[in-house]
Amino acid sequence: MSDLPRTVRINEEGPREGFQFERGPIPTARKIELIEALSVTGLKQIQVVSFVPPQNVPGMADADDVVAGLTRRPGVDYTALWLNEKGLQRALGHDVLRIVGSIGLCCSAAFLARNQKRTMHENLQAQRAMLARCRELGVPVTRGSLMAAFGCNFEGNIAPARVVEQVGQLLELAEGAGERLEFVSLADTMAWATPRSIQQVVGAVRERFPALRLSLHLHDTRGMGIANAFAGLQMGVDRYDAAVAGLGGCPFAAHRGAAGNVCTEDLVLMCEEMGIDTGIDLERLIEAAVVAESVVGHPLPGAVKTGGSLRALRTRVRPGA
């Protein structure tokens, strides 16, 4: 346990993940209601929308209206996802957003073709173009990401060596554009990861790039999300994407049961009980999870919103009772 981090940074992606995945329609005002509830929990970063074509992702058709309706809270970074220059330009039109560029590769050619309609070579070229455009616009590029880093529904297992190779490509792309990535996110896009593969992949990347900071983006389709996060903590990973109440899923995964990110409040509870600081008020986060369930209108998989926090329970239980 000597590699456990003392603090963990959690990037909340529930609004973006959930609103792009739910069949809806979800009223814009209710989307804003959930984001506002998350804004008072102590979360330092909330990804609120993705700027993508509405014909591809109907749940994001009102993305501009959602962002325009937000009230900026001190200490909270509101971020958005985009995949091309048009999306970036839309994001730049909103002062409330923190605009930080990212580049992304994919460990599965088949998934990349399905998700973004690109070949691996075309995606490399697209990332170079995005880096150049961000530089022209003065947008710093600080994050790299790898989709399908642990396995793919269309290609099967992904070898750790391929992940290491792609991480190297991300770093080379950034360096060639005069940028320095603060971290690289390894995404379990289709929920193939297990604690063992987390250890293998993170270990392989760490062996090749020991100074590189890593983040994990974990989906919970097969119930491995929190176990995989625990394995990541054991490996010293201190950044995680998460989704309140377990919102969301991947609309391009071709899996009827594709689930969202590891649940934020479940992850916070685990960290809290392990003595790892997240800076998040778990009780307020549970309240936001209840709002999330109300917004989508059906049960969500997060466990702590139903079971409650152990800290709150301890205050009600008499010693020896």
Protein backbone atom coordinates (compact mmCIF):
# COMPACT_ATOMS: atom_id res chain seq x y z
CA MET A 1 0.00 0.00 0.00
CA SER A 2 3.06 2.28 0.04
CA ASP A 3 2.12 3.76 -3.37
CA LEU A 4 -1.27 5.05 -2.23
CA PRO A 5 -1.60 8.77 -3.00
CA ARG A 6 -2.37 11.16 -0.17
CA THR A 7 -4.79 13.17 -2.28
CA VAL A 8 -6.85 12.40 -5.37
CA ARG A 9 -8.19 14.75 -8.02
CA ILE A 10 -11.62 13.77 -9.37
CA ASN A 11 -12.88 15.17 -12.65
CA GLU A 12 -16.69 14.99 -12.66
CA GLU A 13 -18.01 13.96 -16.07
CA GLY A 14 -21.55 12.95 -15.15
CA PRO A 15 -23.36 15.81 -16.92
CA ARG A 16 -21.54 15.33 -20.22
CA GLU A 17 -21.48 11.53 -20.01
CA GLY A 18 -25.11 11.30 -18.90
CA PHE A 19 -26.76 13.85 -21.14
CA GLN A 20 -25.12 12.44 -24.27
CA PHE A 21 -26.16 8.88 -23.35
CA GLU A 22 -29.68 9.20 -21.95
CA ARG A 23 -32.48 8.91 -24.50
CA GLY A 24 -34.19 11.97 -23.04
CA PRO A 25 -35.24 14.49 -23.91
CA ILE A 26 -33.96 16.17 -20.74
CA PRO A 27 -34.99 19.83 -20.30
CA THR A 28 -32.10 22.29 -20.38
CA ALA A 29 -33.12 23.74 -17.01
CA ARG A 30 -32.83 20.32 -15.35
CA LYS A 31 -29.36 19.80 -16.80
CA ILE A 32 -28.32 23.12 -15.31
CA GLU A 33 -29.93 22.14 -11.99
CA LEU A 34 -27.69 19.07 -11.74
CA ILE A 35 -24.54 21.01 -12.65
CA GLU A 36 -25.37 23.63 -10.02
CA ALA A 37 -25.87 20.89 -7.40
CA LEU A 38 -22.45 19.45 -8.25
CA SER A 39 -20.86 22.90 -8.10
CA VAL A 40 -21.30 23.16 -4.31
CA THR A 41 -19.80 19.75 -3.42
CA GLY A 42 -16.12 20.70 -3.49
CA LEU A 43 -15.51 19.28 -6.95
CA LYS A 44 -12.84 21.34 -8.67
CA GLN A 45 -13.70 20.34 -12.24
CA ILE A 46 -16.99 19.48 -13.93
CA GLN A 47 -17.25 18.55 -17.59
CA VAL A 48 -20.65 19.92 -18.50
CA VAL A 49 -21.22 19.33 -22.24
CA SER A 50 -19.67 18.15 -25.47
CA PHE A 51 -19.74 20.32 -28.57
CA VAL A 52 -20.58 17.72 -31.18
CA PRO A 53 -23.03 17.55 -34.09
CA PRO A 54 -26.58 17.14 -32.70
CA GLN A 55 -27.44 14.62 -35.41
CA ASN A 56 -24.74 12.36 -33.94
CA VAL A 57 -25.49 13.05 -30.26
CA PRO A 58 -29.03 14.46 -29.88
CA GLY A 59 -28.62 14.86 -26.11
CA MET A 60 -26.06 17.61 -26.76
CA ALA A 61 -28.24 19.67 -29.09
CA ASP A 62 -28.69 22.29 -26.35
CA ALA A 63 -25.03 22.36 -25.26
CA ASP A 64 -24.66 26.10 -25.89
CA ASP A 65 -27.83 26.85 -23.91
CA VAL A 66 -26.67 24.71 -20.99
CA VAL A 67 -23.36 26.54 -20.74
CA ALA A 68 -24.99 29.94 -21.19
CA GLY A 69 -27.28 29.19 -18.24
CA LEU A 70 -24.53 28.34 -15.77
CA THR A 71 -23.53 30.53 -12.84
CA ARG A 72 -19.78 30.47 -12.29
CA ARG A 73 -18.78 29.23 -8.82
CA PRO A 74 -15.38 30.23 -7.40
CA GLY A 75 -12.91 27.36 -7.38
CA VAL A 76 -14.79 25.28 -9.96
CA ASP A 77 -13.54 24.75 -13.50
CA TYR A 78 -16.34 24.11 -15.99
CA THR A 79 -15.00 22.27 -19.01
CA ALA A 80 -16.34 20.86 -22.27
CA LEU A 81 -15.38 18.19 -24.76
CA TRP A 82 -14.83 18.79 -28.46
CA LEU A 83 -13.39 16.64 -31.24
CA ASN A 84 -12.63 19.19 -33.95
CA GLU A 85 -12.04 22.87 -34.59
CA LYS A 86 -15.74 23.64 -34.97
CA GLY A 87 -16.37 22.28 -31.49
CA LEU A 88 -13.42 24.27 -30.12
CA GLN A 89 -14.78 27.47 -31.64
CA ARG A 90 -18.14 26.86 -29.97
CA ALA A 91 -16.40 26.35 -26.63
CA LEU A 92 -14.41 29.56 -27.05
CA GLY A 93 -17.68 31.45 -27.28
CA HIS A 94 -18.42 30.84 -23.58
CA ASP A 95 -16.52 32.81 -20.92
CA VAL A 96 -17.70 30.50 -18.13
CA LEU A 97 -15.69 27.60 -19.54
CA ARG A 98 -12.06 26.87 -18.79
CA ILE A 99 -10.60 26.19 -22.21
CA VAL A 100 -7.70 23.74 -22.14
CA GLY A 101 -6.82 21.71 -25.19
CA SER A 102 -6.30 17.98 -25.36
CA ILE A 103 -5.18 15.45 -27.92
CA GLY A 104 -6.49 11.92 -28.19
CA LEU A 105 -5.48 8.67 -29.83
CA CYS A 106 -7.14 5.27 -29.81
CA CYS A 107 -5.67 1.82 -29.24
CA SER A 108 -8.31 0.21 -31.47
CA ALA A 109 -8.54 1.04 -35.17
CA ALA A 110 -11.98 -0.58 -35.37
CA PHE A 111 -13.40 1.51 -32.54
CA LEU A 112 -11.82 4.68 -33.90
CA ALA A 113 -13.53 4.10 -37.25
CA ARG A 114 -16.87 3.58 -35.54
CA ASN A 115 -16.51 6.44 -33.04
CA GLN A 116 -14.89 9.16 -35.17
CA LYS A 117 -14.96 7.73 -38.71
CA ARG A 118 -11.17 8.02 -39.01
CA THR A 119 -8.25 5.73 -39.68
CA MET A 120 -5.33 5.72 -37.25
CA HIS A 121 -3.26 7.80 -39.71
CA GLU A 122 -6.10 10.26 -40.26
CA ASN A 123 -6.46 10.65 -36.51
CA LEU A 124 -2.76 11.41 -36.12
CA GLN A 125 -3.10 14.11 -38.75
CA ALA A 126 -6.23 15.47 -37.06
CA GLN A 127 -4.39 15.74 -33.74
CA ARG A 128 -1.50 17.58 -35.39
CA ALA A 129 -3.97 20.00 -36.93
CA MET A 130 -5.70 20.50 -33.57
CA LEU A 131 -2.36 21.21 -31.87
CA ALA A 132 -1.50 23.78 -34.52
CA ARG A 133 -4.89 25.46 -34.24
CA CYS A 134 -4.75 25.55 -30.44
CA ARG A 135 -1.35 27.20 -30.69
CA GLU A 136 -2.72 29.84 -33.07
CA LEU A 137 -5.60 30.55 -30.68
CA GLY A 138 -3.42 30.60 -27.56
CA VAL A 139 -5.14 27.56 -26.07
CA PRO A 140 -2.71 25.46 -23.98
CA VAL A 141 -2.76 21.71 -24.62
CA THR A 142 -2.20 19.95 -21.31
CA ARG A 143 -3.96 16.58 -21.59
CA GLY A 144 -3.50 13.50 -23.71
CA SER A 145 -5.97 10.63 -23.78
CA LEU A 146 -6.08 7.08 -25.08
CA MET A 147 -9.40 5.43 -25.87
CA ALA A 148 -9.81 1.65 -25.60
CA ALA A 149 -6.61 1.31 -23.57
CA PHE A 150 -7.68 -1.93 -21.88
CA GLY A 151 -9.69 -3.76 -24.53
CA CYS A 152 -12.20 -3.35 -27.33
CA ASN A 153 -15.54 -4.92 -28.23
CA PHE A 154 -14.40 -5.00 -31.87
CA GLU A 155 -10.72 -5.99 -31.56
CA GLY A 156 -10.54 -7.83 -28.24
CA ASN A 157 -7.60 -7.55 -25.87
CA ILE A 158 -5.23 -4.62 -26.22
CA ALA A 159 -1.59 -5.44 -25.46
CA PRO A 160 0.11 -3.18 -22.89
CA ALA A 161 2.90 -2.67 -25.43
CA ARG A 162 0.41 -1.01 -27.80
CA VAL A 163 -0.68 1.34 -25.03
CA VAL A 164 2.94 2.25 -24.30
CA GLU A 165 3.52 2.89 -28.00
CA GLN A 166 0.47 5.17 -28.23
CA VAL A 167 1.46 7.07 -25.09
CA GLY A 168 4.80 7.69 -26.76
CA GLN A 169 3.01 9.00 -29.86
CA LEU A 170 0.96 11.40 -27.73
CA LEU A 171 4.08 12.78 -26.08
CA GLU A 172 5.85 13.12 -29.43
CA LEU A 173 2.87 14.92 -30.94
CA ALA A 174 2.78 17.41 -28.08
CA GLU A 175 6.54 17.94 -28.04
CA GLY A 176 6.58 18.49 -31.80
CA ALA A 177 4.05 21.31 -31.33
CA GLY A 178 5.94 22.91 -28.45
CA GLU A 179 3.47 21.69 -25.84
CA ARG A 180 4.00 19.67 -22.66
CA LEU A 181 1.27 17.31 -21.49
CA GLU A 182 0.55 17.50 -17.76
CA PHE A 183 -0.92 14.01 -17.79
CA VAL A 184 -2.23 11.22 -20.00
CA SER A 185 -5.63 9.64 -19.40
CA LEU A 186 -6.02 5.90 -20.01
CA ALA A 187 -9.65 5.18 -20.87
CA ASP A 188 -11.39 1.86 -20.31
CA THR A 189 -13.91 2.93 -22.93
CA MET A 190 -15.72 -0.41 -23.26
CA ALA A 191 -15.14 -1.77 -19.73
CA TRP A 192 -12.61 -4.48 -20.48
CA ALA A 193 -10.34 -3.58 -17.57
CA THR A 194 -9.84 -5.73 -14.48
CA PRO A 195 -7.61 -4.98 -11.49
CA ARG A 196 -4.94 -7.20 -13.05
CA SER A 197 -4.97 -5.39 -16.40
CA ILE A 198 -4.93 -2.02 -14.60
CA GLN A 199 -1.74 -3.14 -12.88
CA GLN A 200 -0.25 -4.48 -16.12
CA VAL A 201 -1.02 -1.46 -18.29
CA VAL A 202 -0.23 1.21 -15.70
CA GLY A 203 2.92 -0.70 -14.77
CA ALA A 204 4.06 -0.91 -18.40
CA VAL A 205 3.47 2.80 -19.01
CA ARG A 206 5.20 3.72 -15.75
CA GLU A 207 8.20 1.56 -16.61
CA ARG A 208 8.65 3.37 -19.93
CA PHE A 209 7.63 6.86 -18.77
CA PRO A 210 8.30 6.99 -15.00
CA ALA A 211 7.79 10.76 -14.68
CA LEU A 212 4.49 10.86 -16.56
CA ARG A 213 1.38 11.54 -14.53
CA LEU A 214 -1.53 9.26 -15.36
CA SER A 215 -5.30 9.52 -15.04
CA LEU A 216 -7.88 6.73 -15.30
CA HIS A 217 -11.25 6.88 -17.06
CA LEU A 218 -13.09 3.75 -15.93
CA HIS A 219 -16.46 2.42 -17.08
CA ASP A 220 -18.52 0.09 -14.90
CA THR A 221 -20.38 -2.08 -17.40
CA ARG A 222 -19.12 -5.31 -15.82
CA GLY A 223 -19.11 -4.07 -12.23
CA MET A 224 -15.33 -3.65 -12.13
CA GLY A 225 -15.24 0.14 -11.91
CA ILE A 226 -14.57 0.62 -8.21
CA ALA A 227 -12.26 -2.44 -8.06
CA ASN A 228 -10.27 -1.01 -10.96
CA ALA A 229 -10.08 2.37 -9.24
CA PHE A 230 -8.74 0.63 -6.12
CA ALA A 231 -6.09 -1.09 -8.27
CA GLY A 232 -5.19 2.31 -9.72
CA LEU A 233 -4.83 3.78 -6.24
CA GLN A 234 -2.50 0.93 -5.31
CA MET A 235 -0.40 1.84 -8.35
CA GLY A 236 -0.25 5.47 -7.21
CA VAL A 237 -2.66 6.94 -9.79
CA ASP A 238 -4.09 10.16 -8.33
CA ARG A 239 -6.45 11.45 -11.05
CA TYR A 240 -9.79 9.88 -11.98
CA ASP A 241 -12.76 10.72 -14.16
CA ALA A 242 -16.05 9.84 -12.49
CA ALA A 243 -19.78 10.32 -13.00
CA VAL A 244 -22.24 11.25 -10.27
CA ALA A 245 -24.62 8.35 -9.50
CA GLY A 246 -22.94 6.34 -12.29
CA LEU A 247 -24.49 8.42 -15.06
CA GLY A 248 -23.76 7.77 -18.70
CA GLY A 249 -22.14 5.24 -20.95
CA CYS A 250 -20.56 5.08 -24.40
CA PRO A 251 -23.13 5.47 -27.19
CA PHE A 252 -20.68 3.94 -29.70
CA ALA A 253 -19.74 0.82 -27.73
CA ALA A 254 -22.37 -1.44 -29.35
CA HIS A 255 -23.25 -2.91 -25.98
CA ARG A 256 -26.79 -2.72 -24.63
CA GLY A 257 -25.58 -2.65 -21.04
CA ALA A 258 -22.76 -0.12 -21.51
CA ALA A 259 -22.54 1.69 -18.20
CA GLY A 260 -21.13 5.06 -17.21
CA ASN A 261 -17.93 6.00 -15.47
CA VAL A 262 -17.10 4.74 -12.02
CA CYS A 263 -19.60 6.41 -9.68
CA THR A 264 -18.26 9.62 -8.11
CA GLU A 265 -19.78 9.22 -4.67
CA ASP A 266 -18.74 5.55 -4.46
CA LEU A 267 -15.18 6.53 -5.36
CA VAL A 268 -15.18 9.38 -2.83
CA LEU A 269 -16.42 7.06 -0.07
CA MET A 270 -13.67 4.53 -0.81
CA CYS A 271 -10.99 7.22 -0.78
CA GLU A 272 -12.40 8.75 2.40
CA GLU A 273 -12.34 5.41 4.20
CA MET A 274 -8.76 4.80 3.00
CA GLY A 275 -7.58 8.13 4.38
CA ILE A 276 -7.14 9.69 0.92
CA ASP A 277 -8.29 13.30 0.65
CA THR A 278 -10.54 14.30 -2.28
CA GLY A 279 -11.63 17.72 -1.02
CA ILE A 280 -15.25 16.73 -1.70
CA ASP A 281 -18.18 16.96 0.72
CA LEU A 282 -19.66 13.47 0.41
CA GLU A 283 -23.04 14.39 1.92
CA ARG A 284 -23.57 17.18 -0.61
CA LEU A 285 -22.39 14.85 -3.37
CA ILE A 286 -25.01 12.28 -2.33
CA GLU A 287 -27.64 15.03 -2.57
CA ALA A 288 -26.43 15.79 -6.11
CA ALA A 289 -26.66 12.08 -6.97
CA VAL A 290 -30.31 12.07 -5.89
CA VAL A 291 -30.88 15.09 -8.16
CA ALA A 292 -29.22 13.19 -11.03
CA GLU A 293 -31.60 10.28 -10.60
CA SER A 294 -34.55 12.66 -10.56
CA VAL A 295 -33.33 14.41 -13.72
CA VAL A 296 -33.07 11.23 -15.80
CA GLY A 297 -36.24 9.75 -14.32
CA HIS A 298 -35.03 6.22 -13.63
CA PRO A 299 -32.79 4.41 -11.11
CA LEU A 300 -29.04 4.95 -11.46
CA PRO A 301 -26.42 2.40 -10.37
CA GLY A 302 -24.52 4.36 -7.71
CA ALA A 303 -24.62 2.57 -4.35
CA VAL A 304 -23.68 5.26 -1.83
CA LYS A 305 -26.61 7.52 -2.76
CA THR A 306 -28.83 4.72 -1.42
CA GLY A 307 -26.68 3.32 1.38
CA GLY A 308 -25.35 6.66 2.65
CA SER A 309 -21.89 7.51 3.94
CA LEU A 310 -20.26 5.63 6.78
CA ARG A 311 -19.26 8.91 8.40
CA ALA A 312 -22.91 9.94 8.72
CA LEU A 313 -23.84 6.49 10.02
CA ARG A 314 -21.13 6.59 12.68
CA THR A 315 -22.60 9.75 14.15
CA ARG A 316 -25.91 7.95 14.69
CA VAL A 317 -24.64 4.64 16.02
CA ARG A 318 -23.94 4.36 19.76
CA PRO A 319 -20.67 2.59 20.67
CA GLY A 320 -21.43 -0.97 21.71
CA ALA A 321 -24.96 -0.89 20.28
